[in-house]
Amino acid sequence: MTNSIRHGKAWKISIELRFIDRKIKLYISNDRMGWKIIKKGFGIVGIEDRIKELNGNAYFSSIENAGI
């Protein structure tokens, strides 16, 4: 959420949590900017590390200029 506000200039953030096939999926989108390339800073690397400790995987994606 911080990245959506700080880097994406978001006014509105949507968060959706789904449980599908014994997996937890978290979707975060905003009403402003998406990115062609995601630069992994401390926040994303920290999320990946915590998920790995739980034997999980984290995936990040974005659609440029779409807020997704």
PDB file of N, CA and C in Angstrom:
ATOM      1  N   MET A   1       0.828  -1.180   0.000  1.00  0.00           N
ATOM      2  CA  MET A   1       0.000   0.000   0.000  1.00  0.00           C
ATOM      3  C   MET A   1       0.874   1.246   0.000  1.00  0.00           C
ATOM      4  N   THR A   2       1.958   1.189   0.756  1.00  0.00           N
ATOM      5  CA  THR A   2       2.865   2.334   0.783  1.00  0.00           C
ATOM      6  C   THR A   2       3.389   2.643  -0.611  1.00  0.00           C
ATOM      7  N   ASN A   3       3.778   1.607  -1.345  1.00  0.00           N
ATOM      8  CA  ASN A   3       4.292   1.817  -2.702  1.00  0.00           C
ATOM      9  C   ASN A   3       3.213   2.398  -3.617  1.00  0.00           C
ATOM     10  N   SER A   4       1.969   1.965  -3.459  1.00  0.00           N
ATOM     11  CA  SER A   4       0.879   2.505  -4.277  1.00  0.00           C
ATOM     12  C   SER A   4       0.730   4.003  -4.063  1.00  0.00           C
ATOM     13  N   ILE A   5       0.850   4.429  -2.823  1.00  0.00           N
ATOM     14  CA  ILE A   5       0.704   5.843  -2.507  1.00  0.00           C
ATOM     15  C   ILE A   5       1.957   6.621  -2.898  1.00  0.00           C
ATOM     16  N   ARG A   6       3.108   6.125  -2.467  1.00  0.00           N
ATOM     17  CA  ARG A   6       4.358   6.854  -2.667  1.00  0.00           C
ATOM     18  C   ARG A   6       4.771   6.915  -4.134  1.00  0.00           C
ATOM     19  N   HIS A   7       4.775   5.773  -4.809  1.00  0.00           N
ATOM     20  CA  HIS A   7       5.292   5.713  -6.169  1.00  0.00           C
ATOM     21  C   HIS A   7       4.192   5.780  -7.231  1.00  0.00           C
ATOM     22  N   GLY A   8       3.022   5.271  -6.922  1.00  0.00           N
ATOM     23  CA  GLY A   8       1.938   5.249  -7.893  1.00  0.00           C
ATOM     24  C   GLY A   8       0.992   6.421  -7.798  1.00  0.00           C
ATOM     25  N   LYS A   9       1.168   7.249  -6.756  1.00  0.00           N
ATOM     26  CA  LYS A   9       0.314   8.429  -6.557  1.00  0.00           C
ATOM     27  C   LYS A   9      -1.166   8.062  -6.444  1.00  0.00           C
ATOM     28  N   ALA A  10      -1.435   6.925  -5.818  1.00  0.00           N
ATOM     29  CA  ALA A  10      -2.804   6.401  -5.725  1.00  0.00           C
ATOM     30  C   ALA A  10      -3.669   7.214  -4.765  1.00  0.00           C
ATOM     31  N   TRP A  11      -4.942   7.336  -5.116  1.00  0.00           N
ATOM     32  CA  TRP A  11      -5.966   7.910  -4.256  1.00  0.00           C
ATOM     33  C   TRP A  11      -6.825   6.802  -3.665  1.00  0.00           C
ATOM     34  N   LYS A  12      -6.961   5.704  -4.419  1.00  0.00           N
ATOM     35  CA  LYS A  12      -7.803   4.595  -3.995  1.00  0.00           C
ATOM     36  C   LYS A  12      -7.005   3.300  -4.178  1.00  0.00           C
ATOM     37  N   ILE A  13      -7.029   2.447  -3.157  1.00  0.00           N
ATOM     38  CA  ILE A  13      -6.332   1.160  -3.197  1.00  0.00           C
ATOM     39  C   ILE A  13      -7.354   0.063  -2.910  1.00  0.00           C
ATOM     40  N   SER A  14      -7.357  -0.971  -3.747  1.00  0.00           N
ATOM     41  CA  SER A  14      -8.256  -2.114  -3.543  1.00  0.00           C
ATOM     42  C   SER A  14      -7.411  -3.315  -3.127  1.00  0.00           C
ATOM     43  N   ILE A  15      -7.893  -4.032  -2.122  1.00  0.00           N
ATOM     44  CA  ILE A  15      -7.198  -5.219  -1.627  1.00  0.00           C
ATOM     45  C   ILE A  15      -8.178  -6.383  -1.657  1.00  0.00           C
ATOM     46  N   GLU A  16      -7.742  -7.484  -2.243  1.00  0.00           N
ATOM     47  CA  GLU A  16      -8.589  -8.671  -2.346  1.00  0.00           C
ATOM     48  C   GLU A  16      -7.772  -9.879  -1.888  1.00  0.00           C
ATOM     49  N   LEU A  17      -8.325 -10.638  -0.961  1.00  0.00           N
ATOM     50  CA  LEU A  17      -7.681 -11.836  -0.442  1.00  0.00           C
ATOM     51  C   LEU A  17      -8.523 -13.033  -0.852  1.00  0.00           C
ATOM     52  N   ARG A  18      -7.903 -13.993  -1.535  1.00  0.00           N
ATOM     53  CA  ARG A  18      -8.625 -15.182  -2.010  1.00  0.00           C
ATOM     54  C   ARG A  18      -7.951 -16.448  -1.492  1.00  0.00           C
ATOM     55  N   PHE A  19      -8.761 -17.444  -1.194  1.00  0.00           N
ATOM     56  CA  PHE A  19      -8.276 -18.769  -0.831  1.00  0.00           C
ATOM     57  C   PHE A  19      -8.686 -19.711  -1.956  1.00  0.00           C
ATOM     58  N   ILE A  20      -7.716 -20.169  -2.751  1.00  0.00           N
ATOM     59  CA  ILE A  20      -7.992 -20.996  -3.915  1.00  0.00           C
ATOM     60  C   ILE A  20      -7.048 -22.199  -3.907  1.00  0.00           C
ATOM     61  N   ASP A  21      -7.610 -23.395  -3.985  1.00  0.00           N
ATOM     62  CA  ASP A  21      -6.805 -24.622  -4.064  1.00  0.00           C
ATOM     63  C   ASP A  21      -5.702 -24.662  -3.004  1.00  0.00           C
ATOM     64  N   ARG A  22      -6.080 -24.421  -1.761  1.00  0.00           N
ATOM     65  CA  ARG A  22      -5.150 -24.461  -0.633  1.00  0.00           C
ATOM     66  C   ARG A  22      -4.045 -23.422  -0.735  1.00  0.00           C
ATOM     67  N   LYS A  23      -4.308 -22.358  -1.483  1.00  0.00           N
ATOM     68  CA  LYS A  23      -3.360 -21.261  -1.629  1.00  0.00           C
ATOM     69  C   LYS A  23      -4.037 -19.965  -1.207  1.00  0.00           C
ATOM     70  N   ILE A  24      -3.247 -19.083  -0.659  1.00  0.00           N
ATOM     71  CA  ILE A  24      -3.732 -17.749  -0.324  1.00  0.00           C
ATOM     72  C   ILE A  24      -3.197 -16.800  -1.380  1.00  0.00           C
ATOM     73  N   LYS A  25      -4.089 -16.046  -1.991  1.00  0.00           N
ATOM     74  CA  LYS A  25      -3.680 -15.085  -3.013  1.00  0.00           C
ATOM     75  C   LYS A  25      -4.141 -13.700  -2.578  1.00  0.00           C
ATOM     76  N   LEU A  26      -3.211 -12.758  -2.631  1.00  0.00           N
ATOM     77  CA  LEU A  26      -3.485 -11.389  -2.254  1.00  0.00           C
ATOM     78  C   LEU A  26      -3.293 -10.507  -3.482  1.00  0.00           C
ATOM     79  N   TYR A  27      -4.336  -9.735  -3.820  1.00  0.00           N
ATOM     80  CA  TYR A  27      -4.285  -8.835  -4.966  1.00  0.00           C
ATOM     81  C   TYR A  27      -4.426  -7.407  -4.452  1.00  0.00           C
ATOM     82  N   ILE A  28      -3.510  -6.555  -4.860  1.00  0.00           N
ATOM     83  CA  ILE A  28      -3.570  -5.146  -4.489  1.00  0.00           C
ATOM     84  C   ILE A  28      -3.526  -4.334  -5.775  1.00  0.00           C
ATOM     85  N   SER A  29      -4.483  -3.439  -5.946  1.00  0.00           N
ATOM     86  CA  SER A  29      -4.494  -2.572  -7.127  1.00  0.00           C
ATOM     87  C   SER A  29      -4.826  -1.156  -6.685  1.00  0.00           C
ATOM     88  N   ASN A  30      -4.507  -0.192  -7.573  1.00  0.00           N
ATOM     89  CA  ASN A  30      -4.811   1.189  -7.252  1.00  0.00           C
ATOM     90  C   ASN A  30      -5.401   1.893  -8.468  1.00  0.00           C
ATOM     91  N   ASP A  31      -5.815   3.115  -8.264  1.00  0.00           N
ATOM     92  CA  ASP A  31      -6.508   3.868  -9.311  1.00  0.00           C
ATOM     93  C   ASP A  31      -5.572   4.734 -10.152  1.00  0.00           C
ATOM     94  N   ARG A  32      -4.292   4.519 -10.048  1.00  0.00           N
ATOM     95  CA  ARG A  32      -3.361   5.390 -10.756  1.00  0.00           C
ATOM     96  C   ARG A  32      -2.412   4.622 -11.668  1.00  0.00           C
ATOM     97  N   MET A  33      -1.148   4.515 -11.279  1.00  0.00           N
ATOM     98  CA  MET A  33      -0.100   4.054 -12.179  1.00  0.00           C
ATOM     99  C   MET A  33       0.307   2.606 -11.932  1.00  0.00           C
ATOM    100  N   GLY A  34       0.597   1.894 -13.009  1.00  0.00           N
ATOM    101  CA  GLY A  34       1.249   0.595 -12.946  1.00  0.00           C
ATOM    102  C   GLY A  34       2.642   0.756 -13.520  1.00  0.00           C
ATOM    103  N   TRP A  35       3.430  -0.281 -13.491  1.00  0.00           N
ATOM    104  CA  TRP A  35       4.820  -0.195 -13.920  1.00  0.00           C
ATOM    105  C   TRP A  35       5.152  -1.303 -14.898  1.00  0.00           C
ATOM    106  N   LYS A  36       5.950  -0.981 -15.895  1.00  0.00           N
ATOM    107  CA  LYS A  36       6.424  -1.982 -16.853  1.00  0.00           C
ATOM    108  C   LYS A  36       7.413  -2.922 -16.176  1.00  0.00           C
ATOM    109  N   ILE A  37       8.301  -2.363 -15.362  1.00  0.00           N
ATOM    110  CA  ILE A  37       9.305  -3.143 -14.627  1.00  0.00           C
ATOM    111  C   ILE A  37       9.147  -2.828 -13.145  1.00  0.00           C
ATOM    112  N   ILE A  38       9.085  -3.871 -12.321  1.00  0.00           N
ATOM    113  CA  ILE A  38       8.980  -3.688 -10.882  1.00  0.00           C
ATOM    114  C   ILE A  38      10.381  -3.734 -10.296  1.00  0.00           C
ATOM    115  N   LYS A  39      10.781  -2.649  -9.631  1.00  0.00           N
ATOM    116  CA  LYS A  39      12.079  -2.603  -8.960  1.00  0.00           C
ATOM    117  C   LYS A  39      11.879  -3.085  -7.534  1.00  0.00           C
ATOM    118  N   LYS A  40      12.601  -4.124  -7.162  1.00  0.00           N
ATOM    119  CA  LYS A  40      12.441  -4.708  -5.835  1.00  0.00           C
ATOM    120  C   LYS A  40      13.296  -3.962  -4.820  1.00  0.00           C
ATOM    121  N   GLY A  41      12.607  -3.221  -3.963  1.00  0.00           N
ATOM    122  CA  GLY A  41      13.273  -2.520  -2.872  1.00  0.00           C
ATOM    123  C   GLY A  41      13.176  -3.340  -1.595  1.00  0.00           C
ATOM    124  N   PHE A  42      13.474  -2.714  -0.478  1.00  0.00           N
ATOM    125  CA  PHE A  42      13.458  -3.409   0.813  1.00  0.00           C
ATOM    126  C   PHE A  42      12.093  -3.998   1.145  1.00  0.00           C
ATOM    127  N   GLY A  43      11.015  -3.291   0.796  1.00  0.00           N
ATOM    128  CA  GLY A  43       9.674  -3.775   1.120  1.00  0.00           C
ATOM    129  C   GLY A  43       9.338  -5.072   0.414  1.00  0.00           C
ATOM    130  N   ILE A  44       9.535  -5.122  -0.894  1.00  0.00           N
ATOM    131  CA  ILE A  44       9.211  -6.331  -1.659  1.00  0.00           C
ATOM    132  C   ILE A  44      10.148  -7.475  -1.283  1.00  0.00           C
ATOM    133  N   VAL A  45      11.434  -7.180  -1.126  1.00  0.00           N
ATOM    134  CA  VAL A  45      12.391  -8.227  -0.730  1.00  0.00           C
ATOM    135  C   VAL A  45      12.020  -8.776   0.645  1.00  0.00           C
ATOM    136  N   GLY A  46      11.601  -7.898   1.557  1.00  0.00           N
ATOM    137  CA  GLY A  46      11.184  -8.348   2.886  1.00  0.00           C
ATOM    138  C   GLY A  46       9.963  -9.249   2.831  1.00  0.00           C
ATOM    139  N   ILE A  47       9.004  -8.900   1.979  1.00  0.00           N
ATOM    140  CA  ILE A  47       7.811  -9.742   1.805  1.00  0.00           C
ATOM    141  C   ILE A  47       8.218 -11.111   1.275  1.00  0.00           C
ATOM    142  N   GLU A  48       9.068 -11.128   0.249  1.00  0.00           N
ATOM    143  CA  GLU A  48       9.525 -12.406  -0.322  1.00  0.00           C
ATOM    144  C   GLU A  48      10.227 -13.265   0.729  1.00  0.00           C
ATOM    145  N   ASP A  49      11.076 -12.653   1.534  1.00  0.00           N
ATOM    146  CA  ASP A  49      11.804 -13.400   2.570  1.00  0.00           C
ATOM    147  C   ASP A  49      10.855 -14.012   3.597  1.00  0.00           C
ATOM    148  N   ARG A  50       9.864 -13.230   4.040  1.00  0.00           N
ATOM    149  CA  ARG A  50       8.914 -13.756   5.038  1.00  0.00           C
ATOM    150  C   ARG A  50       8.054 -14.878   4.465  1.00  0.00           C
ATOM    151  N   ILE A  51       7.653 -14.749   3.207  1.00  0.00           N
ATOM    152  CA  ILE A  51       6.855 -15.796   2.572  1.00  0.00           C
ATOM    153  C   ILE A  51       7.683 -17.077   2.411  1.00  0.00           C
ATOM    154  N   LYS A  52       8.952 -16.942   2.030  1.00  0.00           N
ATOM    155  CA  LYS A  52       9.835 -18.109   1.880  1.00  0.00           C
ATOM    156  C   LYS A  52      10.010 -18.841   3.203  1.00  0.00           C
ATOM    157  N   GLU A  53      10.077 -18.099   4.306  1.00  0.00           N
ATOM    158  CA  GLU A  53      10.193 -18.717   5.629  1.00  0.00           C
ATOM    159  C   GLU A  53       8.993 -19.598   5.949  1.00  0.00           C
ATOM    160  N   LEU A  54       7.863 -19.318   5.313  1.00  0.00           N
ATOM    161  CA  LEU A  54       6.642 -20.105   5.498  1.00  0.00           C
ATOM    162  C   LEU A  54       6.460 -21.139   4.391  1.00  0.00           C
ATOM    163  N   ASN A  55       7.540 -21.399   3.628  1.00  0.00           N
ATOM    164  CA  ASN A  55       7.526 -22.346   2.506  1.00  0.00           C
ATOM    165  C   ASN A  55       6.554 -21.936   1.408  1.00  0.00           C
ATOM    166  N   GLY A  56       6.443 -20.652   1.192  1.00  0.00           N
ATOM    167  CA  GLY A  56       5.557 -20.145   0.149  1.00  0.00           C
ATOM    168  C   GLY A  56       6.327 -19.421  -0.945  1.00  0.00           C
ATOM    169  N   ASN A  57       5.608 -18.889  -1.879  1.00  0.00           N
ATOM    170  CA  ASN A  57       6.181 -18.118  -2.982  1.00  0.00           C
ATOM    171  C   ASN A  57       5.435 -16.801  -3.106  1.00  0.00           C
ATOM    172  N   ALA A  58       6.162 -15.771  -3.458  1.00  0.00           N
ATOM    173  CA  ALA A  58       5.559 -14.463  -3.698  1.00  0.00           C
ATOM    174  C   ALA A  58       5.823 -14.073  -5.144  1.00  0.00           C
ATOM    175  N   TYR A  59       4.792 -13.599  -5.814  1.00  0.00           N
ATOM    176  CA  TYR A  59       4.912 -13.144  -7.195  1.00  0.00           C
ATOM    177  C   TYR A  59       4.369 -11.734  -7.274  1.00  0.00           C
ATOM    178  N   PHE A  60       5.048 -10.906  -8.014  1.00  0.00           N
ATOM    179  CA  PHE A  60       4.631  -9.518  -8.182  1.00  0.00           C
ATOM    180  C   PHE A  60       4.505  -9.239  -9.658  1.00  0.00           C
ATOM    181  N   SER A  61       3.438  -8.554 -10.032  1.00  0.00           N
ATOM    182  CA  SER A  61       3.261  -8.179 -11.436  1.00  0.00           C
ATOM    183  C   SER A  61       2.535  -6.844 -11.481  1.00  0.00           C
ATOM    184  N   SER A  62       2.628  -6.204 -12.634  1.00  0.00           N
ATOM    185  CA  SER A  62       1.995  -4.915 -12.817  1.00  0.00           C
ATOM    186  C   SER A  62       1.672  -4.738 -14.303  1.00  0.00           C
ATOM    187  N   ILE A  63       0.701  -3.919 -14.576  1.00  0.00           N
ATOM    188  CA  ILE A  63       0.386  -3.543 -15.957  1.00  0.00           C
ATOM    189  C   ILE A  63       0.674  -2.044 -16.056  1.00  0.00           C
ATOM    190  N   GLU A  64       1.579  -1.692 -16.941  1.00  0.00           N
ATOM    191  CA  GLU A  64       2.025  -0.312 -17.062  1.00  0.00           C
ATOM    192  C   GLU A  64       0.845   0.633 -17.268  1.00  0.00           C
ATOM    193  N   ASN A  65       0.830   1.692 -16.469  1.00  0.00           N
ATOM    194  CA  ASN A  65      -0.183   2.756 -16.533  1.00  0.00           C
ATOM    195  C   ASN A  65      -1.600   2.280 -16.260  1.00  0.00           C
ATOM    196  N   ALA A  66      -1.750   1.107 -15.613  1.00  0.00           N
ATOM    197  CA  ALA A  66      -3.092   0.588 -15.350  1.00  0.00           C
ATOM    198  C   ALA A  66      -3.440   0.534 -13.879  1.00  0.00           C
ATOM    199  N   GLY A  67      -2.463   0.752 -12.998  1.00  0.00           N
ATOM    200  CA  GLY A  67      -2.741   0.692 -11.574  1.00  0.00           C
ATOM    201  C   GLY A  67      -2.936  -0.711 -11.052  1.00  0.00           C
ATOM    202  N   ILE A  68      -2.448  -1.688 -11.814  1.00  0.00           N
ATOM    203  CA  ILE A  68      -2.587  -3.090 -11.405  1.00  0.00           C
ATOM    204  C   ILE A  68      -1.199  -3.677 -11.221  1.00  0.00           C
TER     205      ILE A  68
END
